[in-house]
Amino acid sequence: MGRGRQKAKATKQAREMKYFTPATDYSALQRELSGPSSRPSSRYPEEPAEPDYSAYEDKYADQFGEEDDEDEDSRRIG
């Protein structure tokens, strides 16, 4: 008995959502699509550049060896 009323309400809501046409603000859409206007590209223009760590990249690689080989040997199956 209650299912018919519930289905009718759901159908009504679905129809309202399907045919709903909100008012479109075309000037706001144009501003959004045109991109930023004369504003700085970053919030922090004096942000320092990231330091170059390439000199330290393989400094300790030979000292510790390959970690993947140790992980395979320490695993036990079964």
PDB file of N, CA and C in Angstrom:
ATOM      1  N   MET A   1       0.810  -1.176   0.000  1.00  0.00           N
ATOM      2  CA  MET A   1       0.000   0.000   0.000  1.00  0.00           C
ATOM      3  C   MET A   1       0.868   1.261   0.000  1.00  0.00           C
ATOM      4  N   GLY A   2       1.906   1.297   0.769  1.00  0.00           N
ATOM      5  CA  GLY A   2       2.761   2.464   0.827  1.00  0.00           C
ATOM      6  C   GLY A   2       3.747   2.551  -0.327  1.00  0.00           C
ATOM      7  N   ARG A   3       3.955   1.427  -1.005  1.00  0.00           N
ATOM      8  CA  ARG A   3       4.944   1.394  -2.088  1.00  0.00           C
ATOM      9  C   ARG A   3       4.525   2.261  -3.271  1.00  0.00           C
ATOM     10  N   GLY A   4       3.257   2.324  -3.582  1.00  0.00           N
ATOM     11  CA  GLY A   4       2.783   3.133  -4.706  1.00  0.00           C
ATOM     12  C   GLY A   4       3.042   4.609  -4.489  1.00  0.00           C
ATOM     13  N   ARG A   5       2.800   5.073  -3.283  1.00  0.00           N
ATOM     14  CA  ARG A   5       3.039   6.479  -2.965  1.00  0.00           C
ATOM     15  C   ARG A   5       4.536   6.788  -3.020  1.00  0.00           C
ATOM     16  N   GLN A   6       5.358   5.858  -2.509  1.00  0.00           N
ATOM     17  CA  GLN A   6       6.808   6.054  -2.506  1.00  0.00           C
ATOM     18  C   GLN A   6       7.350   6.078  -3.942  1.00  0.00           C
ATOM     19  N   LYS A   7       6.844   5.188  -4.794  1.00  0.00           N
ATOM     20  CA  LYS A   7       7.300   5.139  -6.191  1.00  0.00           C
ATOM     21  C   LYS A   7       6.880   6.406  -6.935  1.00  0.00           C
ATOM     22  N   ALA A   8       5.679   6.883  -6.685  1.00  0.00           N
ATOM     23  CA  ALA A   8       5.195   8.101  -7.333  1.00  0.00           C
ATOM     24  C   ALA A   8       6.054   9.296  -6.938  1.00  0.00           C
ATOM     25  N   LYS A   9       6.416   9.350  -5.668  1.00  0.00           N
ATOM     26  CA  LYS A   9       7.258  10.448  -5.200  1.00  0.00           C
ATOM     27  C   LYS A   9       8.640  10.380  -5.846  1.00  0.00           C
ATOM     28  N   ALA A  10       9.204   9.165  -5.944  1.00  0.00           N
ATOM     29  CA  ALA A  10      10.520   9.004  -6.567  1.00  0.00           C
ATOM     30  C   ALA A  10      10.467   9.380  -8.038  1.00  0.00           C
ATOM     31  N   THR A  11       9.397   9.010  -8.710  1.00  0.00           N
ATOM     32  CA  THR A  11       9.236   9.355 -10.127  1.00  0.00           C
ATOM     33  C   THR A  11       9.135  10.868 -10.298  1.00  0.00           C
ATOM     34  N   LYS A  12       8.390  11.499  -9.417  1.00  0.00           N
ATOM     35  CA  LYS A  12       8.235  12.953  -9.478  1.00  0.00           C
ATOM     36  C   LYS A  12       9.585  13.651  -9.265  1.00  0.00           C
ATOM     37  N   GLN A  13      10.354  13.184  -8.270  1.00  0.00           N
ATOM     38  CA  GLN A  13      11.664  13.774  -8.012  1.00  0.00           C
ATOM     39  C   GLN A  13      12.609  13.553  -9.181  1.00  0.00           C
ATOM     40  N   ALA A  14      12.585  12.372  -9.782  1.00  0.00           N
ATOM     41  CA  ALA A  14      13.452  12.094 -10.927  1.00  0.00           C
ATOM     42  C   ALA A  14      13.093  12.991 -12.106  1.00  0.00           C
ATOM     43  N   ARG A  15      11.795  13.176 -12.331  1.00  0.00           N
ATOM     44  CA  ARG A  15      11.355  14.036 -13.430  1.00  0.00           C
ATOM     45  C   ARG A  15      11.773  15.485 -13.194  1.00  0.00           C
ATOM     46  N   GLU A  16      11.678  15.947 -11.937  1.00  0.00           N
ATOM     47  CA  GLU A  16      12.095  17.312 -11.618  1.00  0.00           C
ATOM     48  C   GLU A  16      13.593  17.498 -11.848  1.00  0.00           C
ATOM     49  N   MET A  17      14.377  16.505 -11.459  1.00  0.00           N
ATOM     50  CA  MET A  17      15.826  16.611 -11.658  1.00  0.00           C
ATOM     51  C   MET A  17      16.189  16.569 -13.144  1.00  0.00           C
ATOM     52  N   LYS A  18      15.469  15.758 -13.910  1.00  0.00           N
ATOM     53  CA  LYS A  18      15.771  15.603 -15.337  1.00  0.00           C
ATOM     54  C   LYS A  18      15.504  16.895 -16.106  1.00  0.00           C
ATOM     55  N   TYR A  19      14.401  17.537 -15.805  1.00  0.00           N
ATOM     56  CA  TYR A  19      14.010  18.706 -16.576  1.00  0.00           C
ATOM     57  C   TYR A  19      14.335  20.029 -15.900  1.00  0.00           C
ATOM     58  N   PHE A  20      15.071  20.007 -14.815  1.00  0.00           N
ATOM     59  CA  PHE A  20      15.441  21.233 -14.105  1.00  0.00           C
ATOM     60  C   PHE A  20      16.490  21.989 -14.909  1.00  0.00           C
ATOM     61  N   THR A  21      16.245  23.252 -15.170  1.00  0.00           N
ATOM     62  CA  THR A  21      17.206  24.093 -15.885  1.00  0.00           C
ATOM     63  C   THR A  21      17.497  25.319 -15.033  1.00  0.00           C
ATOM     64  N   PRO A  22      18.617  25.315 -14.315  1.00  0.00           N
ATOM     65  CA  PRO A  22      18.946  26.473 -13.482  1.00  0.00           C
ATOM     66  C   PRO A  22      19.344  27.667 -14.348  1.00  0.00           C
ATOM     67  N   ALA A  23      19.212  28.835 -13.778  1.00  0.00           N
ATOM     68  CA  ALA A  23      19.633  30.048 -14.472  1.00  0.00           C
ATOM     69  C   ALA A  23      21.160  30.035 -14.597  1.00  0.00           C
ATOM     70  N   THR A  24      21.665  30.251 -15.786  1.00  0.00           N
ATOM     71  CA  THR A  24      23.105  30.207 -16.031  1.00  0.00           C
ATOM     72  C   THR A  24      23.665  31.613 -16.053  1.00  0.00           C
ATOM     73  N   ASP A  25      24.720  31.831 -15.283  1.00  0.00           N
ATOM     74  CA  ASP A  25      25.397  33.123 -15.251  1.00  0.00           C
ATOM     75  C   ASP A  25      26.541  33.069 -16.262  1.00  0.00           C
ATOM     76  N   TYR A  26      26.269  33.531 -17.473  1.00  0.00           N
ATOM     77  CA  TYR A  26      27.258  33.433 -18.541  1.00  0.00           C
ATOM     78  C   TYR A  26      28.472  34.332 -18.311  1.00  0.00           C
ATOM     79  N   SER A  27      28.300  35.442 -17.621  1.00  0.00           N
ATOM     80  CA  SER A  27      29.448  36.311 -17.357  1.00  0.00           C
ATOM     81  C   SER A  27      30.412  35.636 -16.382  1.00  0.00           C
ATOM     82  N   ALA A  28      29.884  34.928 -15.385  1.00  0.00           N
ATOM     83  CA  ALA A  28      30.755  34.199 -14.462  1.00  0.00           C
ATOM     84  C   ALA A  28      31.467  33.058 -15.180  1.00  0.00           C
ATOM     85  N   LEU A  29      30.761  32.390 -16.089  1.00  0.00           N
ATOM     86  CA  LEU A  29      31.370  31.318 -16.870  1.00  0.00           C
ATOM     87  C   LEU A  29      32.496  31.860 -17.746  1.00  0.00           C
ATOM     88  N   GLN A  30      32.280  33.016 -18.347  1.00  0.00           N
ATOM     89  CA  GLN A  30      33.311  33.623 -19.182  1.00  0.00           C
ATOM     90  C   GLN A  30      34.538  34.003 -18.355  1.00  0.00           C
ATOM     91  N   ARG A  31      34.325  34.545 -17.166  1.00  0.00           N
ATOM     92  CA  ARG A  31      35.459  34.891 -16.292  1.00  0.00           C
ATOM     93  C   ARG A  31      36.245  33.642 -15.904  1.00  0.00           C
ATOM     94  N   GLU A  32      35.528  32.555 -15.615  1.00  0.00           N
ATOM     95  CA  GLU A  32      36.195  31.322 -15.212  1.00  0.00           C
ATOM     96  C   GLU A  32      37.000  30.729 -16.359  1.00  0.00           C
ATOM     97  N   LEU A  33      36.457  30.748 -17.549  1.00  0.00           N
ATOM     98  CA  LEU A  33      37.145  30.153 -18.696  1.00  0.00           C
ATOM     99  C   LEU A  33      38.257  31.026 -19.247  1.00  0.00           C
ATOM    100  N   SER A  34      38.189  32.328 -19.018  1.00  0.00           N
ATOM    101  CA  SER A  34      39.209  33.220 -19.560  1.00  0.00           C
ATOM    102  C   SER A  34      40.516  33.136 -18.788  1.00  0.00           C
ATOM    103  N   GLY A  35      40.498  32.572 -17.607  1.00  0.00           N
ATOM    104  CA  GLY A  35      41.724  32.421 -16.838  1.00  0.00           C
ATOM    105  C   GLY A  35      41.916  33.557 -15.863  1.00  0.00           C
ATOM    106  N   PRO A  36      43.038  33.521 -15.159  1.00  0.00           N
ATOM    107  CA  PRO A  36      43.276  34.553 -14.144  1.00  0.00           C
ATOM    108  C   PRO A  36      43.577  35.905 -14.786  1.00  0.00           C
ATOM    109  N   SER A  37      43.072  36.929 -14.164  1.00  0.00           N
ATOM    110  CA  SER A  37      43.374  38.281 -14.607  1.00  0.00           C
ATOM    111  C   SER A  37      44.465  38.861 -13.734  1.00  0.00           C
ATOM    112  N   SER A  38      45.299  39.584 -14.162  1.00  0.00           N
ATOM    113  CA  SER A  38      46.392  40.316 -13.512  1.00  0.00           C
ATOM    114  C   SER A  38      46.689  39.944 -12.066  1.00  0.00           C
ATOM    115  N   ARG A  39      46.357  38.739 -11.657  1.00  0.00           N
ATOM    116  CA  ARG A  39      46.700  38.275 -10.320  1.00  0.00           C
ATOM    117  C   ARG A  39      47.987  37.468 -10.404  1.00  0.00           C
ATOM    118  N   PRO A  40      48.773  37.447  -9.347  1.00  0.00           N
ATOM    119  CA  PRO A  40      50.002  36.657  -9.382  1.00  0.00           C
ATOM    120  C   PRO A  40      49.678  35.166  -9.514  1.00  0.00           C
ATOM    121  N   SER A  41      50.567  34.426 -10.176  1.00  0.00           N
ATOM    122  CA  SER A  41      50.319  33.024 -10.439  1.00  0.00           C
ATOM    123  C   SER A  41      50.479  32.165  -9.193  1.00  0.00           C
ATOM    124  N   SER A  42      51.211  32.653  -8.202  1.00  0.00           N
ATOM    125  CA  SER A  42      51.438  31.882  -6.992  1.00  0.00           C
ATOM    126  C   SER A  42      50.994  32.689  -5.784  1.00  0.00           C
ATOM    127  N   ARG A  43      50.540  31.993  -4.742  1.00  0.00           N
ATOM    128  CA  ARG A  43      50.171  32.706  -3.527  1.00  0.00           C
ATOM    129  C   ARG A  43      51.399  33.269  -2.847  1.00  0.00           C
ATOM    130  N   TYR A  44      52.532  32.615  -3.026  1.00  0.00           N
ATOM    131  CA  TYR A  44      53.777  33.037  -2.391  1.00  0.00           C
ATOM    132  C   TYR A  44      54.822  33.292  -3.486  1.00  0.00           C
ATOM    133  N   PRO A  45      54.880  34.493  -4.016  1.00  0.00           N
ATOM    134  CA  PRO A  45      55.786  34.766  -5.132  1.00  0.00           C
ATOM    135  C   PRO A  45      57.263  34.654  -4.750  1.00  0.00           C
ATOM    136  N   GLU A  46      57.616  34.836  -3.470  1.00  0.00           N
ATOM    137  CA  GLU A  46      59.014  34.740  -3.058  1.00  0.00           C
ATOM    138  C   GLU A  46      59.368  33.331  -2.592  1.00  0.00           C
ATOM    139  N   GLU A  47      58.619  32.349  -3.014  1.00  0.00           N
ATOM    140  CA  GLU A  47      58.856  30.980  -2.599  1.00  0.00           C
ATOM    141  C   GLU A  47      60.207  30.498  -3.134  1.00  0.00           C
ATOM    142  N   PRO A  48      61.075  30.002  -2.260  1.00  0.00           N
ATOM    143  CA  PRO A  48      62.387  29.585  -2.719  1.00  0.00           C
ATOM    144  C   PRO A  48      62.314  28.323  -3.588  1.00  0.00           C
ATOM    145  N   ALA A  49      63.259  28.201  -4.479  1.00  0.00           N
ATOM    146  CA  ALA A  49      63.327  27.024  -5.335  1.00  0.00           C
ATOM    147  C   ALA A  49      63.813  25.833  -4.517  1.00  0.00           C
ATOM    148  N   GLU A  50      63.423  24.642  -4.908  1.00  0.00           N
ATOM    149  CA  GLU A  50      63.844  23.442  -4.192  1.00  0.00           C
ATOM    150  C   GLU A  50      65.334  23.215  -4.407  1.00  0.00           C
ATOM    151  N   PRO A  51      66.077  22.911  -3.341  1.00  0.00           N
ATOM    152  CA  PRO A  51      67.516  22.697  -3.475  1.00  0.00           C
ATOM    153  C   PRO A  51      67.827  21.491  -4.360  1.00  0.00           C
ATOM    154  N   ASP A  52      68.995  21.509  -4.958  1.00  0.00           N
ATOM    155  CA  ASP A  52      69.432  20.423  -5.830  1.00  0.00           C
ATOM    156  C   ASP A  52      70.100  19.344  -4.975  1.00  0.00           C
ATOM    157  N   TYR A  53      69.487  18.177  -4.879  1.00  0.00           N
ATOM    158  CA  TYR A  53      70.011  17.081  -4.075  1.00  0.00           C
ATOM    159  C   TYR A  53      70.699  16.020  -4.926  1.00  0.00           C
ATOM    160  N   SER A  54      70.931  16.290  -6.183  1.00  0.00           N
ATOM    161  CA  SER A  54      71.499  15.278  -7.061  1.00  0.00           C
ATOM    162  C   SER A  54      72.916  14.868  -6.638  1.00  0.00           C
ATOM    163  N   ALA A  55      73.656  15.729  -5.959  1.00  0.00           N
ATOM    164  CA  ALA A  55      75.007  15.382  -5.514  1.00  0.00           C
ATOM    165  C   ALA A  55      74.969  14.306  -4.432  1.00  0.00           C
ATOM    166  N   TYR A  56      73.855  14.201  -3.696  1.00  0.00           N
ATOM    167  CA  TYR A  56      73.748  13.243  -2.601  1.00  0.00           C
ATOM    168  C   TYR A  56      72.986  11.976  -2.991  1.00  0.00           C
ATOM    169  N   GLU A  57      72.590  11.871  -4.228  1.00  0.00           N
ATOM    170  CA  GLU A  57      71.699  10.804  -4.657  1.00  0.00           C
ATOM    171  C   GLU A  57      72.256   9.403  -4.391  1.00  0.00           C
ATOM    172  N   ASP A  58      73.457   9.107  -4.816  1.00  0.00           N
ATOM    173  CA  ASP A  58      74.027   7.766  -4.659  1.00  0.00           C
ATOM    174  C   ASP A  58      75.212   7.743  -3.701  1.00  0.00           C
ATOM    175  N   LYS A  59      75.278   8.690  -2.817  1.00  0.00           N
ATOM    176  CA  LYS A  59      76.421   8.804  -1.929  1.00  0.00           C
ATOM    177  C   LYS A  59      76.592   7.555  -1.060  1.00  0.00           C
ATOM    178  N   TYR A  60      75.489   6.988  -0.555  1.00  0.00           N
ATOM    179  CA  TYR A  60      75.568   5.845   0.349  1.00  0.00           C
ATOM    180  C   TYR A  60      75.084   4.547  -0.296  1.00  0.00           C
ATOM    181  N   ALA A  61      74.862   4.545  -1.580  1.00  0.00           N
ATOM    182  CA  ALA A  61      74.322   3.362  -2.241  1.00  0.00           C
ATOM    183  C   ALA A  61      75.277   2.178  -2.147  1.00  0.00           C
ATOM    184  N   ASP A  62      76.567   2.387  -2.306  1.00  0.00           N
ATOM    185  CA  ASP A  62      77.528   1.290  -2.254  1.00  0.00           C
ATOM    186  C   ASP A  62      77.725   0.774  -0.834  1.00  0.00           C
ATOM    187  N   GLN A  63      77.515   1.596   0.140  1.00  0.00           N
ATOM    188  CA  GLN A  63      77.746   1.213   1.526  1.00  0.00           C
ATOM    189  C   GLN A  63      76.719   0.198   2.028  1.00  0.00           C
ATOM    190  N   PHE A  64      75.468   0.314   1.599  1.00  0.00           N
ATOM    191  CA  PHE A  64      74.417  -0.546   2.118  1.00  0.00           C
ATOM    192  C   PHE A  64      74.006  -1.642   1.156  1.00  0.00           C
ATOM    193  N   GLY A  65      74.336  -1.551  -0.090  1.00  0.00           N
ATOM    194  CA  GLY A  65      74.010  -2.601  -1.050  1.00  0.00           C
ATOM    195  C   GLY A  65      72.547  -2.596  -1.441  1.00  0.00           C
ATOM    196  N   GLU A  66      72.150  -3.683  -2.076  1.00  0.00           N
ATOM    197  CA  GLU A  66      70.783  -3.813  -2.559  1.00  0.00           C
ATOM    198  C   GLU A  66      69.878  -4.317  -1.441  1.00  0.00           C
ATOM    199  N   GLU A  67      68.792  -3.605  -1.188  1.00  0.00           N
ATOM    200  CA  GLU A  67      67.854  -4.024  -0.154  1.00  0.00           C
ATOM    201  C   GLU A  67      66.910  -5.088  -0.666  1.00  0.00           C
ATOM    202  N   ASP A  68      66.631  -5.101  -1.957  1.00  0.00           N
ATOM    203  CA  ASP A  68      65.682  -6.070  -2.510  1.00  0.00           C
ATOM    204  C   ASP A  68      66.184  -7.501  -2.331  1.00  0.00           C
ATOM    205  N   ASP A  69      67.508  -7.731  -2.467  1.00  0.00           N
ATOM    206  CA  ASP A  69      68.050  -9.080  -2.321  1.00  0.00           C
ATOM    207  C   ASP A  69      67.880  -9.591  -0.897  1.00  0.00           C
ATOM    208  N   GLU A  70      68.055  -8.728   0.087  1.00  0.00           N
ATOM    209  CA  GLU A  70      67.930  -9.134   1.481  1.00  0.00           C
ATOM    210  C   GLU A  70      66.483  -9.507   1.805  1.00  0.00           C
ATOM    211  N   ASP A  71      65.517  -8.764   1.257  1.00  0.00           N
ATOM    212  CA  ASP A  71      64.115  -9.038   1.533  1.00  0.00           C
ATOM    213  C   ASP A  71      63.704 -10.398   0.979  1.00  0.00           C
ATOM    214  N   GLU A  72      64.187 -10.769  -0.188  1.00  0.00           N
ATOM    215  CA  GLU A  72      63.833 -12.048  -0.784  1.00  0.00           C
ATOM    216  C   GLU A  72      64.404 -13.210   0.027  1.00  0.00           C
ATOM    217  N   ASP A  73      65.617 -13.068   0.554  1.00  0.00           N
ATOM    218  CA  ASP A  73      66.246 -14.155   1.302  1.00  0.00           C
ATOM    219  C   ASP A  73      65.583 -14.354   2.664  1.00  0.00           C
ATOM    220  N   SER A  74      65.077 -13.289   3.274  1.00  0.00           N
ATOM    221  CA  SER A  74      64.543 -13.405   4.629  1.00  0.00           C
ATOM    222  C   SER A  74      63.100 -13.929   4.631  1.00  0.00           C
ATOM    223  N   ARG A  75      62.432 -13.965   3.485  1.00  0.00           N
ATOM    224  CA  ARG A  75      61.058 -14.472   3.428  1.00  0.00           C
ATOM    225  C   ARG A  75      61.045 -15.991   3.450  1.00  0.00           C
ATOM    226  N   ARG A  76      60.084 -16.503   4.155  1.00  0.00           N
ATOM    227  CA  ARG A  76      59.913 -17.952   4.179  1.00  0.00           C
ATOM    228  C   ARG A  76      58.545 -18.292   3.584  1.00  0.00           C
ATOM    229  N   ILE A  77      58.550 -19.296   2.799  1.00  0.00           N
ATOM    230  CA  ILE A  77      57.302 -19.725   2.176  1.00  0.00           C
ATOM    231  C   ILE A  77      56.841 -20.992   2.877  1.00  0.00           C
ATOM    232  N   GLY A  78      55.588 -21.003   3.305  1.00  0.00           N
ATOM    233  CA  GLY A  78      55.051 -22.229   3.886  1.00  0.00           C
ATOM    234  C   GLY A  78      54.764 -22.166   5.288  1.00  0.00           C
TER     235      GLY A  78
END
